[in-house]
Amino acid sequence: MRDPSINERRQPLHALKDAHRKATLWLGAIVGTVALLLATPALSQAEEANPNNYNCLGSLAAGTPEPGNEDQQVKYAFYCNGPITGYQVQAQIPVTGVQSPPSVADIKASPLSDTFSCSGEIPGFALNCVGAAKAGYETVAGQFSIGTKLCAEPRVDALLTVTYAYLEKNVVTQAISGPFELGRPSGCRPDAFSGSSRLNPRAPQKAHKKSTKKKTHKKVSAKKATPRSR
């Protein structure tokens, strides 16, 4: 997957009902607090993306080792085509630690004062973050830890769900988009599970064994020329 700092769009992905329902429960619990703290104005410009139908693009990679923590660090980075006030990263293997706060940068990779606060049940399967990326295409980057090696199977394969909460006519309004693929970590060697993902699973690929049979070459003995009789 390409680096999410590159400005590119992708088509909406089909949401998994179970993952969307779990994310909705968590995001609904925090939306009131977010809206009251931020008092984000309503989306009024016609060119703004529909916050219930954002496109988000992201990836996973090896994270930066943390002093005193021997677990594998996993870096995530993503951006969406609209502002967000919260997000959840959902893993399918146990998460053993959560870094907070993540960094936020603009489309030119310049650091911003926008920030998020992240937490989660440890060990658990998700990290929950509340804050603000106040404009579209701001890149959010953070990391979490897992108890296995980055490239060991089953490799971590994360989903992302984002929320946007705001006040409209003094009424708290919430919007949810996702889940989106963060996918399997980049930088690992391809294996039988490469190309598969949680939203687009496929059967493991069978490795084609090279034939070990050696070709035998018959030796051709040269016949000696017999002298002709005179």
Protein backbone atom coordinates (compact mmCIF):
# COMPACT_ATOMS: atom_id res chain seq x y z
CA MET A 1 0.00 0.00 0.00
CA ARG A 2 1.20 3.39 -0.80
CA ASP A 3 2.19 5.92 1.81
CA PRO A 4 -1.00 7.73 3.00
CA SER A 5 0.85 11.06 2.95
CA ILE A 6 0.34 11.00 -0.82
CA ASN A 7 -2.78 12.87 -1.84
CA GLU A 8 -4.98 10.24 -3.48
CA ARG A 9 -8.59 9.13 -3.23
CA ARG A 10 -10.15 5.70 -3.29
CA GLN A 11 -13.65 4.36 -3.81
CA PRO A 12 -15.87 3.66 -0.77
CA LEU A 13 -15.48 0.18 0.70
CA HIS A 14 -18.36 -2.06 1.71
CA ALA A 15 -18.81 -2.05 5.49
CA LEU A 16 -19.02 -5.21 7.55
CA LYS A 17 -22.21 -5.14 9.57
CA ASP A 18 -20.73 -6.60 12.78
CA ALA A 19 -17.67 -4.33 12.78
CA HIS A 20 -19.83 -1.31 11.98
CA ARG A 21 -22.23 -2.15 14.84
CA LYS A 22 -19.40 -2.46 17.41
CA ALA A 23 -17.83 0.79 16.24
CA THR A 24 -21.24 2.50 16.43
CA LEU A 25 -21.67 1.54 20.09
CA TRP A 26 -18.28 2.99 21.05
CA LEU A 27 -18.53 6.09 18.91
CA GLY A 28 -22.06 6.80 20.12
CA ALA A 29 -20.87 6.75 23.72
CA ILE A 30 -18.29 9.48 23.15
CA VAL A 31 -20.03 11.64 20.60
CA GLY A 32 -21.81 13.85 23.15
CA THR A 33 -18.60 14.70 24.98
CA VAL A 34 -16.75 15.41 21.74
CA ALA A 35 -19.45 17.73 20.45
CA LEU A 36 -19.69 19.71 23.67
CA LEU A 37 -15.93 20.10 23.99
CA LEU A 38 -15.21 21.02 20.39
CA ALA A 39 -18.48 22.69 19.38
CA THR A 40 -17.50 22.01 15.78
CA PRO A 41 -19.61 24.02 13.32
CA ALA A 42 -21.91 22.11 10.99
CA LEU A 43 -20.80 21.16 7.51
CA SER A 44 -22.28 23.89 5.38
CA GLN A 45 -20.09 24.11 2.29
CA ALA A 46 -21.31 22.19 -0.70
CA GLU A 47 -17.84 20.85 -1.50
CA GLU A 48 -17.45 19.17 1.90
CA ALA A 49 -17.59 15.36 1.83
CA ASN A 50 -20.55 13.57 3.38
CA PRO A 51 -19.24 12.54 6.85
CA ASN A 52 -21.34 9.36 6.67
CA ASN A 53 -19.62 8.39 3.45
CA TYR A 54 -15.98 9.47 3.80
CA ASN A 55 -13.16 7.85 1.89
CA CYS A 56 -10.17 7.03 4.11
CA LEU A 57 -6.84 5.54 3.08
CA GLY A 58 -4.22 4.11 5.41
CA SER A 59 -1.58 1.49 6.06
CA LEU A 60 0.37 -0.43 8.69
CA ALA A 61 4.15 -0.78 9.02
CA ALA A 62 6.83 -1.48 11.60
CA GLY A 63 6.75 1.03 14.44
CA THR A 64 9.50 2.69 16.46
CA PRO A 65 10.77 0.65 19.44
CA GLU A 66 9.79 2.10 22.81
CA PRO A 67 12.16 2.01 25.82
CA GLY A 68 11.08 -0.60 28.35
CA ASN A 69 8.62 -2.23 25.96
CA GLU A 70 9.81 -5.39 24.23
CA ASP A 71 6.59 -5.94 22.29
CA GLN A 72 6.41 -5.38 18.56
CA GLN A 73 5.42 -1.80 17.72
CA VAL A 74 3.04 -1.33 14.80
CA LYS A 75 2.74 2.06 13.09
CA TYR A 76 -0.54 3.12 11.52
CA ALA A 77 -1.18 6.16 9.35
CA PHE A 78 -4.28 7.32 7.52
CA TYR A 79 -6.16 10.32 6.17
CA CYS A 80 -9.77 10.98 5.16
CA ASN A 81 -11.36 13.40 2.72
CA GLY A 82 -13.07 15.33 5.52
CA PRO A 83 -12.58 16.40 9.16
CA ILE A 84 -12.94 13.83 11.95
CA THR A 85 -13.37 14.01 15.72
CA GLY A 86 -12.65 10.40 16.59
CA TYR A 87 -11.53 7.06 15.25
CA GLN A 88 -11.09 3.43 16.19
CA VAL A 89 -8.41 1.02 14.97
CA GLN A 90 -9.65 -2.56 15.22
CA ALA A 91 -7.16 -5.45 15.17
CA GLN A 92 -7.91 -9.17 14.88
CA ILE A 93 -5.04 -10.14 17.22
CA PRO A 94 -4.52 -8.84 20.79
CA VAL A 95 -3.23 -5.29 21.20
CA THR A 96 -0.81 -5.08 24.14
CA GLY A 97 -0.20 -1.32 24.24
CA VAL A 98 -1.45 2.00 22.85
CA GLN A 99 0.61 5.09 22.08
CA SER A 100 -0.96 8.46 22.83
CA PRO A 101 -1.13 11.06 21.47
CA PRO A 102 -0.72 10.33 17.74
CA SER A 103 0.67 13.00 15.42
CA VAL A 104 -1.37 15.02 12.93
CA ALA A 105 0.11 16.65 9.81
CA ASP A 106 -1.31 18.59 6.89
CA ILE A 107 -1.16 17.62 3.24
CA LYS A 108 2.39 19.07 3.02
CA ALA A 109 3.51 16.89 5.98
CA SER A 110 3.80 19.93 8.26
CA PRO A 111 2.93 19.14 11.91
CA LEU A 112 -0.37 20.57 13.17
CA SER A 113 -1.66 21.46 16.61
CA ASP A 114 -4.65 19.17 16.01
CA THR A 115 -4.43 16.21 18.33
CA PHE A 116 -6.13 13.08 19.63
CA SER A 117 -6.15 11.22 22.94
CA CYS A 118 -6.08 7.43 22.61
CA SER A 119 -6.83 4.60 25.01
CA GLY A 120 -8.10 1.04 24.98
CA GLU A 121 -8.52 -2.11 27.01
CA ILE A 122 -5.16 -3.85 27.37
CA PRO A 123 -4.93 -6.55 26.22
CA GLY A 124 -7.75 -5.90 23.79
CA PHE A 125 -8.58 -5.67 20.12
CA ALA A 126 -9.07 -1.93 19.54
CA LEU A 127 -7.70 1.50 20.32
CA ASN A 128 -10.16 4.39 20.66
CA CYS A 129 -9.12 7.97 19.94
CA VAL A 130 -10.96 11.27 20.52
CA GLY A 131 -9.81 14.68 19.29
CA ALA A 132 -9.84 16.55 16.01
CA ALA A 133 -8.40 16.56 12.53
CA LYS A 134 -10.09 19.79 11.52
CA ALA A 135 -9.69 19.48 7.77
CA GLY A 136 -9.71 16.79 5.15
CA TYR A 137 -6.49 15.07 4.06
CA GLU A 138 -4.77 15.62 7.41
CA THR A 139 -2.61 12.57 8.11
CA VAL A 140 -3.00 10.94 11.52
CA ALA A 141 -0.11 8.67 12.56
CA GLY A 142 0.39 6.67 15.74
CA GLN A 143 1.35 3.23 16.90
CA PHE A 144 0.26 0.32 19.05
CA SER A 145 2.01 -2.84 20.19
CA ILE A 146 1.31 -6.53 19.69
CA GLY A 147 2.78 -9.63 21.34
CA THR A 148 3.97 -11.29 18.12
CA LYS A 149 6.49 -10.47 15.42
CA LEU A 150 5.26 -8.12 12.73
CA CYS A 151 5.58 -10.58 9.86
CA ALA A 152 4.60 -13.74 11.76
CA GLU A 153 1.28 -15.31 10.78
CA PRO A 154 -1.39 -14.48 11.57
CA ARG A 155 -0.16 -10.97 10.74
CA VAL A 156 -2.01 -8.04 12.23
CA ASP A 157 -4.72 -6.89 9.82
CA ALA A 158 -6.45 -3.74 11.06
CA LEU A 159 -9.67 -1.92 10.20
CA LEU A 160 -10.39 1.78 10.70
CA THR A 161 -13.69 3.47 11.60
CA VAL A 162 -13.95 7.28 11.88
CA THR A 163 -16.53 9.63 13.35
CA TYR A 164 -17.41 13.28 12.97
CA ALA A 165 -19.46 14.92 15.72
CA TYR A 166 -20.76 18.50 15.60
CA LEU A 167 -23.50 20.81 16.80
CA GLU A 168 -26.22 21.76 14.35
CA LYS A 169 -28.98 24.08 15.63
CA ASN A 170 -27.91 23.18 19.20
CA VAL A 171 -28.44 19.50 18.49
CA VAL A 172 -25.59 16.98 18.69
CA THR A 173 -25.18 15.35 15.31
CA GLN A 174 -22.95 12.34 14.69
CA ALA A 175 -21.65 10.72 11.55
CA ILE A 176 -19.77 7.45 11.13
CA SER A 177 -17.78 6.14 8.16
CA GLY A 178 -16.13 2.78 7.71
CA PRO A 179 -14.76 0.31 8.29
CA PHE A 180 -11.80 0.93 5.99
CA GLU A 181 -8.80 -1.28 5.35
CA LEU A 182 -5.49 -0.48 6.99
CA GLY A 183 -4.54 -3.96 5.87
CA ARG A 184 -1.58 -6.17 6.63
CA PRO A 185 1.79 -4.55 7.40
CA SER A 186 4.03 -3.43 4.57
CA GLY A 187 7.65 -4.53 4.42
CA CYS A 188 6.96 -8.26 4.98
CA ARG A 189 7.78 -11.00 2.49
CA PRO A 190 4.83 -12.28 0.45
CA ASP A 191 3.36 -15.57 1.65
CA ALA A 192 0.28 -17.73 1.07
CA PHE A 193 -1.96 -15.10 2.70
CA SER A 194 -0.68 -12.12 0.70
CA GLY A 195 -3.40 -10.25 -1.12
CA SER A 196 -6.06 -11.34 1.36
CA SER A 197 -7.70 -8.97 3.84
CA ARG A 198 -10.51 -8.92 6.37
CA LEU A 199 -12.87 -7.08 4.05
CA ASN A 200 -11.77 -9.00 0.98
CA PRO A 201 -10.67 -12.45 2.19
CA ARG A 202 -9.47 -15.13 -0.18
CA ALA A 203 -8.19 -18.65 0.12
CA PRO A 204 -4.46 -19.09 0.86
CA GLN A 205 -2.35 -19.48 -2.23
CA LYS A 206 -0.64 -22.80 -2.70
CA ALA A 207 3.09 -22.62 -3.20
CA HIS A 208 4.25 -24.19 -6.43
CA LYS A 209 7.15 -26.51 -5.79
CA LYS A 210 9.91 -26.52 -8.31
CA SER A 211 10.71 -29.85 -9.86
CA THR A 212 13.81 -31.42 -8.32
CA LYS A 213 14.28 -34.03 -11.05
CA LYS A 214 17.61 -33.76 -12.76
CA LYS A 215 17.74 -34.07 -16.47
CA THR A 216 19.91 -36.95 -17.55
CA HIS A 217 21.95 -36.59 -20.69
CA LYS A 218 22.95 -39.71 -22.55
CA LYS A 219 26.56 -39.87 -23.46
CA VAL A 220 27.13 -40.42 -27.12
CA SER A 221 30.28 -42.38 -27.81
CA ALA A 222 32.09 -41.35 -30.92
CA LYS A 223 32.71 -44.20 -33.35
CA LYS A 224 36.21 -44.64 -34.59
CA ALA A 225 36.59 -44.37 -38.31
CA THR A 226 37.65 -47.69 -39.88
CA PRO A 227 40.36 -47.45 -42.52
CA ARG A 228 39.27 -48.37 -46.05
CA SER A 229 41.05 -51.28 -47.73
CA ARG A 230 42.82 -50.49 -50.93
